[in-house]
Amino acid sequence: MATRRPSLVAFVAIAVFFDAVATSSLGLAADDGSYGRLDGDVALAVEVGAQASTAGGGLGARLAARYLTMAGLYAGYDDGLGQVSQDVRRRIAGGVELKPLFFGRFASDLERGPATLDLWLDATGIELGIYRAWLNDAACKATCSDHGMEVFLASALPLLQTKNGPFVSLRVGLRWSLADAPGESSAELPRVAPAALLSLGYERLLSTGLVGGAAEPAAN
């Protein structure tokens, strides 16, 4: 555990270094600091990766739609992949996400590159939602389900210098079980449980016409 944080810092530092070299060698400029993110108004993203919590781990997938890359909605699905040794068989979730740094940094002329660093900072935010989980038989008590709220701190590191492209995402947060009504106490699960999701995703920026002008595809 002690080596994971330095490794993550080193990975980000290496990515930013090579991004700066590529920007210089290819003659790519940070232009006005938006990196094309104002060319469209809605960003769609899909992610697949590995999720883990005190109730067990497995596959995690997410879909998200963001308005001006800053605020939007998400839907998530976790699957225990048939591991009977863990409590949760599958889970669905949905909520809102807020990534407010972009316009504040843009208005303050802080988007000066390297591109990877700017895009990574702007892709950091919080997520708040609700979930519903179905439990394995061994974890059932009064019922075989659980529900509650979740909050995550999320960040995404782009792998390319474009607004459309792949990224690596990390989420860490907490889930609160609200299944405390009579007959609803699902299992001997902790009331508050930490959770994490490490995933690989792809984001696409679209112009829908919601922010002035006619709708047209956003170019790379």
Foldseek 3Di string as FASTA:
>chain_A
DVVPVVVVVVVLVVLQVVLVVCCVVVVNFCVLLCLLLVVAFKKKKKKKFKKQKPQGIAIKIKIWIDGSLFKTKMKMKGARPPDLVGWFGMKIKMWMWGQDVRVVCSVVVNSGDPLQVSQQNSQWTKTKIKMKTATHPVFFDLHRIWIWIWMWTKTWGFPDSHPWFKIKMKIKTKTATPQPPVSRPTGPDDRIMIMMTIIMMTMAGFHPCPPHDHGDGRDD
